[in-house]
Structures are given as C-alpha cells and as structure tokens.
Amino acid sequence: MIPYKTDTDISSYIIFPRFLIPMDLSNDAKVLYALLLDRAGISKKKGYIETDGTIRLYFTVEDAKSKLRRSRQVAMRAFHELESCGLIFRRKQGLGRPAVITLNMPADKRRGAND
C-alpha cells in the first residue's frame, strides 16, 4: 500500500451516482447500478446503441454474482430492486440468452441539472 498523495494516479474507478445514496435500496443494488453504469460506458464505446440513442448493455445475474461477490439470490434481488424503482429495464431475449438492460436515471439527476 502507498499513501494517497496529490500526484497519485487513479487509473481505474467506477462512478457512483450521488442520487443513489438517499434512495431506499440495498447497498448491493446501489453497487450493482454503479457496475451497470460502468458497463454502459463500455457498451457505448463498442457501439451497442439502439436507433433512439439508448445504450444497450448485457450484464447477467452470474456477472452480478461474481462482481458483487454475493450469492445468486442476492444478485437477483438487487436486479429486482433496481427494476422495481425504475432504474433499470430488462428485456428478456429467450432461453439461454442474456437480457438486454436499459439504464434509467431520475429526470432531475442528469448531468448538470443540479450541479
């Protein structure tokens, strides 16, 4: 370990939106949303964009389980929490294929709205 100083380079990090902090969600759901937001950035770079400009991303329950280091049940519950409050929408594609996920943000929380 090295101390964090003014010249310390932070090469990799995940954005954690401030609007998640006061929300009535489990910490697992909040971290999952941050992971999905990170994956959306990768999807955007790879060109996974719908005709309306919406970014299409794929993140399976197994991905969530692995990244969160939690059980399958906890990962599924976190997805359900995010769906229930409208922060994500999952469109199933059929047996054996991952769901297409669309991220949503509260309308008043977009970049620049309250900064």
Protein backbone atom coordinates (compact mmCIF):
# COMPACT_ATOMS: atom_id res chain seq x y z
CA MET A 1 0.00 0.00 0.00
CA ILE A 2 1.08 3.53 -0.72
CA PRO A 3 -0.35 6.76 0.70
CA TYR A 4 -2.76 8.75 -1.44
CA LYS A 5 -0.98 11.96 -2.46
CA THR A 6 -1.54 14.80 -4.90
CA ASP A 7 0.48 13.03 -7.60
CA THR A 8 -1.18 9.62 -7.09
CA ASP A 9 -2.68 8.31 -10.32
CA ILE A 10 -6.09 6.68 -10.02
CA SER A 11 -6.20 4.56 -13.13
CA SER A 12 -9.48 2.75 -12.72
CA TYR A 13 -12.62 3.67 -10.86
CA ILE A 14 -16.39 3.30 -11.01
CA ILE A 15 -18.76 6.26 -10.96
CA PHE A 16 -21.18 6.09 -8.04
CA PRO A 17 -24.08 8.49 -8.69
CA ARG A 18 -24.95 10.68 -5.70
CA PHE A 19 -28.69 10.23 -6.28
CA LEU A 20 -28.34 6.59 -5.16
CA ILE A 21 -27.19 7.46 -1.63
CA PRO A 22 -30.56 8.56 -0.16
CA MET A 23 -32.59 6.01 -2.11
CA ASP A 24 -34.31 3.20 -0.24
CA LEU A 25 -32.25 0.46 -1.88
CA SER A 26 -29.88 -2.14 -0.51
CA ASN A 27 -26.18 -1.41 -0.82
CA ASP A 28 -25.94 -4.38 -3.18
CA ALA A 29 -28.48 -2.76 -5.52
CA LYS A 30 -26.63 0.56 -5.37
CA VAL A 31 -23.29 -1.04 -6.19
CA LEU A 32 -24.94 -3.09 -8.95
CA TYR A 33 -26.30 0.11 -10.50
CA ALA A 34 -22.79 1.63 -10.43
CA LEU A 35 -21.45 -1.53 -12.11
CA LEU A 36 -24.18 -1.34 -14.75
CA LEU A 37 -23.37 2.32 -15.37
CA ASP A 38 -19.72 1.35 -15.86
CA ARG A 39 -20.73 -1.43 -18.27
CA ALA A 40 -22.93 1.07 -20.16
CA GLY A 41 -19.82 3.14 -20.84
CA ILE A 42 -18.13 0.08 -22.34
CA SER A 43 -21.24 -0.73 -24.40
CA LYS A 44 -21.32 2.85 -25.69
CA LYS A 45 -17.69 2.61 -26.83
CA LYS A 46 -18.42 -0.71 -28.59
CA GLY A 47 -21.42 0.79 -30.40
CA TYR A 48 -24.23 -1.09 -28.66
CA ILE A 49 -26.66 1.76 -29.23
CA GLU A 50 -30.32 1.49 -30.21
CA THR A 51 -31.76 3.64 -33.01
CA ASP A 52 -33.23 6.05 -30.42
CA GLY A 53 -29.78 6.57 -28.84
CA THR A 54 -30.40 4.31 -25.84
CA ILE A 55 -27.34 2.32 -24.80
CA ARG A 56 -27.92 -1.42 -24.82
CA LEU A 57 -25.99 -3.44 -22.25
CA TYR A 58 -25.70 -7.01 -21.13
CA PHE A 59 -24.95 -7.97 -17.54
CA THR A 60 -26.10 -11.37 -16.36
CA VAL A 61 -27.04 -12.48 -12.87
CA GLU A 62 -23.83 -14.53 -12.94
CA ASP A 63 -21.86 -11.36 -13.76
CA ALA A 64 -23.52 -9.58 -10.84
CA LYS A 65 -22.92 -12.52 -8.52
CA SER A 66 -19.24 -12.54 -9.42
CA LYS A 67 -18.69 -8.77 -9.26
CA LEU A 68 -20.66 -8.30 -6.03
CA ARG A 69 -19.15 -11.47 -4.51
CA ARG A 70 -22.60 -12.41 -3.31
CA SER A 71 -25.00 -15.31 -3.80
CA ARG A 72 -27.20 -15.73 -6.86
CA GLN A 73 -30.23 -14.91 -4.71
CA VAL A 74 -28.72 -11.60 -3.53
CA ALA A 75 -27.75 -10.68 -7.11
CA MET A 76 -31.28 -11.44 -8.34
CA ARG A 77 -32.78 -9.39 -5.50
CA ALA A 78 -30.54 -6.43 -6.39
CA PHE A 79 -31.71 -6.59 -10.03
CA HIS A 80 -35.32 -6.77 -8.84
CA GLU A 81 -34.86 -3.73 -6.58
CA LEU A 82 -33.47 -1.70 -9.47
CA GLU A 83 -36.32 -2.79 -11.74
CA SER A 84 -38.98 -2.09 -9.11
CA CYS A 85 -37.90 1.53 -8.66
CA GLY A 86 -37.47 2.08 -12.41
CA LEU A 87 -33.69 2.49 -12.51
CA ILE A 88 -33.33 -0.36 -14.99
CA PHE A 89 -35.46 -2.15 -17.53
CA ARG A 90 -34.59 -5.72 -18.56
CA ARG A 91 -35.92 -7.14 -21.82
CA LYS A 92 -35.72 -10.91 -21.92
CA GLN A 93 -34.47 -12.44 -25.18
CA GLY A 94 -35.24 -16.09 -24.67
CA LEU A 95 -33.78 -19.19 -23.14
CA GLY A 96 -30.02 -19.10 -22.75
CA ARG A 97 -29.63 -15.52 -23.97
CA PRO A 98 -28.86 -12.62 -21.62
CA ALA A 99 -31.46 -9.92 -21.04
CA VAL A 100 -30.92 -6.55 -22.70
CA ILE A 101 -30.68 -3.93 -19.96
CA THR A 102 -31.54 -0.26 -20.30
CA LEU A 103 -30.40 2.12 -17.56
CA ASN A 104 -32.65 4.92 -16.40
CA MET A 105 -31.88 7.97 -14.28
CA PRO A 106 -34.21 10.21 -12.34
CA ALA A 107 -35.18 13.08 -14.67
CA ASP A 108 -33.81 15.78 -12.35
CA LYS A 109 -30.49 13.97 -11.77
CA ARG A 110 -28.98 14.13 -15.25
CA ARG A 111 -25.59 15.79 -15.63
CA GLY A 112 -25.74 19.50 -14.97
CA ALA A 113 -29.32 19.57 -13.67
CA ASN A 114 -28.40 20.24 -10.05
CA ASP A 115 -24.65 20.79 -10.16
